[in-house]
Every structure is written in structure tokens, then in C-alpha cells.
């Protein structure tokens, strides 16, 4: 199979330790069809948050960004949400166990 330039995926993963937020994943402007997958640790829960704030501001002060919880709310099992929309960053909050956030998207056609 030959991958065309527009088929190259964007993939990132970040972990939040129990009781904290992860560092944000900045989403490049060329990414579309974004899918977020929350993977809470056994017996724990996780919530994914996204923002449309300026990516430079998010990197400089993640706690000051306007974060919005995803539609799935707090989850206790592996959960994905497609069509996250045009967001600039995402992060995950782990409650009682560590949680992983996986992000995948496609390269926008020029």
C-alpha cells in the first residue's frame, strides 16, 4: 500500500498520574478528523478536555486555558470520541488511577 502525503496520520499519547491533569497535546492546524481515546487505569476514571485557545498560550500556561470537558464526561472504560472539531489542544484528567490519552488525526489536504 502506498501512503499519499495527505494520508500521513498525526498520533500522540500522554499520561496523567492519579489525581492530576496531563500536559496538553497541541494539535497542529493541519490535523483534521481528530479522534481522542481515553484509557483509564483499572478502577479509575478519566475525563478528556479540549480548548480552542491560542496554542502558544496553552503551552505557556496550561492551567490558564479555557478547558471544556468532552461529550463523554468521566469514563471508567476505554472510550473514544470522533469528530472532536477544530481544537487547538487536548489533555486528560486522571482521578484515582493513572490515565492515558491517545490522539489520532489525518493530515488535511491542501
N, C-alpha and C. Protein backbone atom coordinates (compact mmCIF):
# COMPACT_ATOMS: atom_id res chain seq x y z
N UNK A 1 0.85 -1.17 0.00
CA UNK A 1 0.00 0.00 0.00
C UNK A 1 0.89 1.24 0.00
N UNK A 2 0.57 2.19 -0.82
CA UNK A 2 1.31 3.43 -0.90
C UNK A 2 0.56 4.50 -0.12
N UNK A 3 1.25 5.15 0.83
CA UNK A 3 0.62 6.23 1.58
C UNK A 3 0.87 7.54 0.85
N UNK A 4 -0.18 8.26 0.57
CA UNK A 4 -0.06 9.57 -0.02
C UNK A 4 0.22 10.58 1.08
N UNK A 5 0.73 11.74 0.71
CA UNK A 5 1.07 12.77 1.69
C UNK A 5 -0.11 13.11 2.59
N UNK A 6 -1.32 13.17 2.03
CA UNK A 6 -2.49 13.54 2.84
C UNK A 6 -2.98 12.41 3.74
N UNK A 7 -2.39 11.21 3.61
CA UNK A 7 -2.79 10.08 4.44
C UNK A 7 -1.92 9.91 5.68
N UNK A 8 -0.88 10.74 5.82
CA UNK A 8 0.02 10.59 6.96
C UNK A 8 -0.71 10.99 8.24
N UNK A 9 -0.79 10.10 9.21
CA UNK A 9 -1.54 10.39 10.42
C UNK A 9 -0.75 11.20 11.45
N UNK A 10 -1.51 11.86 12.30
CA UNK A 10 -0.97 12.53 13.48
C UNK A 10 -1.34 11.67 14.66
N UNK A 11 -0.37 11.25 15.44
CA UNK A 11 -0.65 10.43 16.63
C UNK A 11 0.20 10.94 17.79
N UNK A 12 -0.45 11.07 18.94
CA UNK A 12 0.24 11.47 20.16
C UNK A 12 -0.39 10.73 21.32
N UNK A 13 0.39 10.59 22.39
CA UNK A 13 -0.11 9.94 23.60
C UNK A 13 0.48 10.66 24.80
N UNK A 14 -0.33 10.79 25.84
CA UNK A 14 0.12 11.44 27.06
C UNK A 14 -0.52 10.72 28.24
N UNK A 15 0.17 10.74 29.38
CA UNK A 15 -0.34 10.07 30.59
C UNK A 15 -0.50 11.10 31.70
N UNK A 16 -1.60 10.98 32.42
CA UNK A 16 -1.83 11.78 33.63
C UNK A 16 -1.70 10.84 34.82
N UNK A 17 -0.97 11.26 35.83
CA UNK A 17 -0.89 10.45 37.04
C UNK A 17 -2.15 10.67 37.88
N UNK A 18 -2.45 9.71 38.71
CA UNK A 18 -3.67 9.77 39.53
C UNK A 18 -3.77 11.10 40.26
N UNK A 19 -4.95 11.72 40.16
CA UNK A 19 -5.19 12.97 40.86
C UNK A 19 -4.69 14.21 40.14
N UNK A 20 -4.31 14.08 38.86
CA UNK A 20 -3.76 15.24 38.16
C UNK A 20 -4.20 15.29 36.70
N UNK A 21 -3.83 16.42 36.06
CA UNK A 21 -4.03 16.59 34.63
C UNK A 21 -2.73 16.24 33.92
N UNK A 22 -2.84 15.77 32.70
CA UNK A 22 -1.66 15.56 31.86
C UNK A 22 -1.19 16.90 31.31
N UNK A 23 -0.01 16.89 30.74
CA UNK A 23 0.41 18.04 29.95
C UNK A 23 -0.49 18.08 28.71
N UNK A 24 -0.70 19.23 28.12
CA UNK A 24 -1.55 19.29 26.93
C UNK A 24 -0.84 18.74 25.70
N UNK A 25 -1.62 18.21 24.79
CA UNK A 25 -1.14 17.87 23.46
C UNK A 25 -1.62 18.98 22.54
N UNK A 26 -0.69 19.67 21.91
CA UNK A 26 -1.03 20.74 20.98
C UNK A 26 -1.36 20.09 19.63
N UNK A 27 -2.49 20.48 19.05
CA UNK A 27 -2.94 19.90 17.79
C UNK A 27 -2.55 20.84 16.65
N UNK A 28 -1.69 20.40 15.73
CA UNK A 28 -1.31 21.25 14.61
C UNK A 28 -2.53 21.61 13.75
N UNK A 29 -2.50 22.77 13.13
CA UNK A 29 -3.61 23.23 12.31
C UNK A 29 -3.90 22.35 11.11
N UNK A 30 -2.93 21.53 10.68
CA UNK A 30 -3.14 20.69 9.51
C UNK A 30 -3.87 19.38 9.84
N UNK A 31 -4.20 19.16 11.11
CA UNK A 31 -4.87 17.92 11.51
C UNK A 31 -6.39 18.09 11.40
N UNK A 32 -7.03 17.08 10.85
CA UNK A 32 -8.50 17.04 10.84
C UNK A 32 -8.94 15.61 11.15
N UNK A 33 -10.23 15.40 11.29
CA UNK A 33 -10.78 14.10 11.66
C UNK A 33 -10.12 13.59 12.95
N UNK A 34 -10.06 14.44 13.95
CA UNK A 34 -9.40 14.11 15.21
C UNK A 34 -10.24 13.14 16.03
N UNK A 35 -9.57 12.11 16.56
CA UNK A 35 -10.21 11.14 17.44
C UNK A 35 -9.42 11.10 18.75
N UNK A 36 -10.13 11.17 19.87
CA UNK A 36 -9.50 11.08 21.18
C UNK A 36 -9.94 9.79 21.85
N UNK A 37 -8.98 9.09 22.46
CA UNK A 37 -9.28 7.85 23.18
C UNK A 37 -8.74 7.97 24.59
N UNK A 38 -9.63 7.85 25.57
CA UNK A 38 -9.24 7.87 26.98
C UNK A 38 -9.11 6.43 27.46
N UNK A 39 -8.01 6.17 28.17
CA UNK A 39 -7.75 4.83 28.70
C UNK A 39 -7.50 4.96 30.19
N UNK A 40 -8.57 4.86 31.01
CA UNK A 40 -8.36 4.97 32.46
C UNK A 40 -7.71 3.72 33.02
N UNK A 41 -6.91 3.91 34.07
CA UNK A 41 -6.31 2.78 34.76
C UNK A 41 -7.37 1.96 35.46
N UNK A 42 -7.07 0.72 35.76
CA UNK A 42 -8.03 -0.17 36.42
C UNK A 42 -8.62 0.43 37.69
N UNK A 43 -9.94 0.53 37.75
CA UNK A 43 -10.61 1.08 38.92
C UNK A 43 -10.63 2.60 38.96
N UNK A 44 -10.05 3.24 37.96
CA UNK A 44 -10.01 4.70 37.93
C UNK A 44 -10.96 5.26 36.88
N UNK A 45 -10.98 6.57 36.79
CA UNK A 45 -11.79 7.24 35.78
C UNK A 45 -10.95 8.34 35.13
N UNK A 46 -11.38 8.76 33.95
CA UNK A 46 -10.65 9.77 33.20
C UNK A 46 -11.63 10.68 32.49
N UNK A 47 -11.26 11.94 32.36
CA UNK A 47 -12.03 12.91 31.59
C UNK A 47 -11.08 13.62 30.64
N UNK A 48 -11.49 13.73 29.37
CA UNK A 48 -10.71 14.43 28.37
C UNK A 48 -11.24 15.85 28.26
N UNK A 49 -10.32 16.80 28.13
CA UNK A 49 -10.67 18.20 27.98
C UNK A 49 -10.04 18.73 26.70
N UNK A 50 -10.70 19.70 26.06
CA UNK A 50 -10.15 20.34 24.87
C UNK A 50 -10.30 21.85 25.00
N UNK A 51 -9.53 22.57 24.19
CA UNK A 51 -9.60 24.03 24.18
C UNK A 51 -9.41 24.53 22.75
N UNK A 52 -9.89 25.73 22.51
CA UNK A 52 -9.65 26.41 21.24
C UNK A 52 -8.78 27.64 21.48
N UNK A 53 -8.20 27.76 22.66
CA UNK A 53 -7.31 28.88 22.98
C UNK A 53 -6.06 28.83 22.10
N UNK A 54 -5.37 29.95 22.01
CA UNK A 54 -4.14 30.05 21.24
C UNK A 54 -3.15 29.00 21.74
N UNK A 55 -2.60 28.19 20.84
CA UNK A 55 -1.67 27.12 21.27
C UNK A 55 -0.45 27.64 22.04
N UNK A 56 0.04 28.82 21.69
CA UNK A 56 1.18 29.38 22.42
C UNK A 56 0.81 29.68 23.87
N UNK A 57 -0.41 30.18 24.09
CA UNK A 57 -0.87 30.45 25.44
C UNK A 57 -1.06 29.16 26.23
N UNK A 58 -1.56 28.13 25.56
CA UNK A 58 -1.77 26.84 26.22
C UNK A 58 -0.43 26.25 26.66
N UNK A 59 0.57 26.31 25.79
CA UNK A 59 1.89 25.79 26.15
C UNK A 59 2.53 26.58 27.28
N UNK A 60 2.33 27.90 27.26
CA UNK A 60 2.95 28.75 28.28
C UNK A 60 2.30 28.58 29.65
N UNK A 61 0.99 28.43 29.68
CA UNK A 61 0.26 28.34 30.96
C UNK A 61 -0.96 27.45 30.79
N UNK A 62 -0.77 26.12 30.76
CA UNK A 62 -1.90 25.21 30.52
C UNK A 62 -3.06 25.39 31.50
N UNK A 63 -2.77 25.71 32.73
CA UNK A 63 -3.82 25.87 33.73
C UNK A 63 -4.68 27.09 33.53
N UNK A 64 -4.22 28.03 32.71
CA UNK A 64 -4.98 29.26 32.46
C UNK A 64 -5.88 29.17 31.23
N UNK A 65 -5.78 28.08 30.47
CA UNK A 65 -6.59 27.92 29.26
C UNK A 65 -8.05 27.66 29.63
N UNK A 66 -8.92 27.89 28.69
CA UNK A 66 -10.35 27.61 28.85
C UNK A 66 -10.61 26.18 28.38
N UNK A 67 -10.58 25.25 29.31
CA UNK A 67 -10.74 23.84 29.00
C UNK A 67 -12.21 23.44 29.10
N UNK A 68 -12.66 22.63 28.15
CA UNK A 68 -14.05 22.15 28.11
C UNK A 68 -14.01 20.62 28.12
N UNK A 69 -14.81 20.00 28.98
CA UNK A 69 -14.85 18.54 29.04
C UNK A 69 -15.49 17.98 27.77
N UNK A 70 -14.99 16.85 27.31
CA UNK A 70 -15.57 16.23 26.12
C UNK A 70 -16.96 15.72 26.41
N UNK A 71 -17.70 15.37 25.35
CA UNK A 71 -19.10 14.95 25.47
C UNK A 71 -19.29 13.68 26.27
N UNK A 72 -18.27 12.84 26.35
CA UNK A 72 -18.39 11.55 27.03
C UNK A 72 -18.39 11.70 28.56
N UNK A 73 -17.96 12.83 29.08
CA UNK A 73 -17.87 13.02 30.52
C UNK A 73 -16.76 12.16 31.11
N UNK A 74 -16.90 11.80 32.38
CA UNK A 74 -15.92 10.96 33.06
C UNK A 74 -16.18 9.51 32.67
N UNK A 75 -15.12 8.81 32.24
CA UNK A 75 -15.29 7.43 31.79
C UNK A 75 -14.46 6.47 32.65
N UNK A 76 -14.94 5.23 32.77
CA UNK A 76 -14.25 4.21 33.56
C UNK A 76 -13.75 3.06 32.71
N UNK A 77 -14.01 3.12 31.41
CA UNK A 77 -13.55 2.11 30.46
C UNK A 77 -12.97 2.83 29.24
N UNK A 78 -12.21 2.12 28.44
CA UNK A 78 -11.64 2.73 27.24
C UNK A 78 -12.76 3.31 26.38
N UNK A 79 -12.65 4.59 26.07
CA UNK A 79 -13.70 5.30 25.34
C UNK A 79 -13.08 6.22 24.31
N UNK A 80 -13.66 6.24 23.11
CA UNK A 80 -13.21 7.13 22.05
C UNK A 80 -14.32 8.08 21.65
N UNK A 81 -13.90 9.26 21.22
CA UNK A 81 -14.84 10.23 20.66
C UNK A 81 -14.25 10.75 19.36
N UNK A 82 -14.99 10.57 18.28
CA UNK A 82 -14.57 11.08 16.98
C UNK A 82 -15.14 12.48 16.79
N UNK A 83 -14.68 13.13 15.76
CA UNK A 83 -15.17 14.45 15.39
C UNK A 83 -15.06 15.43 16.55
N UNK A 84 -13.85 15.55 17.09
CA UNK A 84 -13.61 16.48 18.18
C UNK A 84 -13.75 17.93 17.72
N UNK A 85 -13.76 18.16 16.42
CA UNK A 85 -13.86 19.52 15.91
C UNK A 85 -12.48 20.16 15.81
N UNK A 86 -12.46 21.43 15.50
CA UNK A 86 -11.19 22.14 15.32
C UNK A 86 -10.73 22.67 16.67
N UNK A 87 -10.00 21.85 17.41
CA UNK A 87 -9.49 22.24 18.71
C UNK A 87 -7.99 22.49 18.59
N UNK A 88 -7.43 23.25 19.53
CA UNK A 88 -6.01 23.56 19.47
C UNK A 88 -5.18 22.71 20.43
N UNK A 89 -5.83 22.13 21.46
CA UNK A 89 -5.11 21.30 22.42
C UNK A 89 -6.08 20.40 23.16
N UNK A 90 -5.57 19.29 23.67
CA UNK A 90 -6.35 18.36 24.49
C UNK A 90 -5.49 17.92 25.67
N UNK A 91 -6.14 17.48 26.72
CA UNK A 91 -5.44 16.89 27.87
C UNK A 91 -6.40 15.96 28.58
N UNK A 92 -5.89 15.15 29.50
CA UNK A 92 -6.71 14.21 30.23
C UNK A 92 -6.53 14.44 31.72
N UNK A 93 -7.59 14.19 32.46
CA UNK A 93 -7.54 14.24 33.93
C UNK A 93 -7.76 12.83 34.45
N UNK A 94 -6.84 12.38 35.31
CA UNK A 94 -6.97 11.08 35.95
C UNK A 94 -7.43 11.30 37.39
N UNK A 95 -8.34 10.46 37.86
CA UNK A 95 -8.87 10.66 39.21
C UNK A 95 -8.13 9.77 40.21
N UNK A 96 -8.48 8.50 40.29
CA UNK A 96 -7.87 7.65 41.33
C UNK A 96 -6.77 6.73 40.80
N UNK A 97 -6.66 6.59 39.50
CA UNK A 97 -5.61 5.79 38.87
C UNK A 97 -5.05 6.59 37.70
N UNK A 98 -3.84 6.27 37.26
CA UNK A 98 -3.28 6.93 36.08
C UNK A 98 -4.21 6.72 34.88
N UNK A 99 -4.14 7.64 33.93
CA UNK A 99 -4.95 7.54 32.71
C UNK A 99 -4.12 7.97 31.51
N UNK A 100 -4.39 7.35 30.39
CA UNK A 100 -3.70 7.65 29.14
C UNK A 100 -4.67 8.28 28.15
N UNK A 101 -4.19 9.24 27.40
CA UNK A 101 -4.96 9.86 26.32
C UNK A 101 -4.21 9.62 25.02
N UNK A 102 -4.89 9.03 24.06
CA UNK A 102 -4.32 8.84 22.72
C UNK A 102 -5.10 9.72 21.75
N UNK A 103 -4.37 10.40 20.87
CA UNK A 103 -4.97 11.28 19.88
C UNK A 103 -4.52 10.83 18.51
N UNK A 104 -5.45 10.80 17.55
CA UNK A 104 -5.11 10.46 16.17
C UNK A 104 -5.92 11.34 15.23
N UNK A 105 -5.30 11.72 14.15
CA UNK A 105 -5.99 12.51 13.14
C UNK A 105 -5.28 12.36 11.81
N UNK A 106 -5.84 12.92 10.78
CA UNK A 106 -5.27 12.85 9.45
C UNK A 106 -4.77 14.20 9.01
N UNK A 107 -3.88 14.18 8.03
CA UNK A 107 -3.35 15.42 7.50
C UNK A 107 -4.37 16.04 6.55
N UNK A 108 -4.68 17.29 6.78
CA UNK A 108 -5.65 18.00 5.94
C UNK A 108 -5.08 18.15 4.54
N UNK A 109 -5.91 17.91 3.56
CA UNK A 109 -5.49 18.09 2.16
C UNK A 109 -5.30 19.57 1.88
N UNK A 110 -4.28 19.87 1.11
CA UNK A 110 -4.00 21.27 0.77
C UNK A 110 -4.96 21.80 -0.27
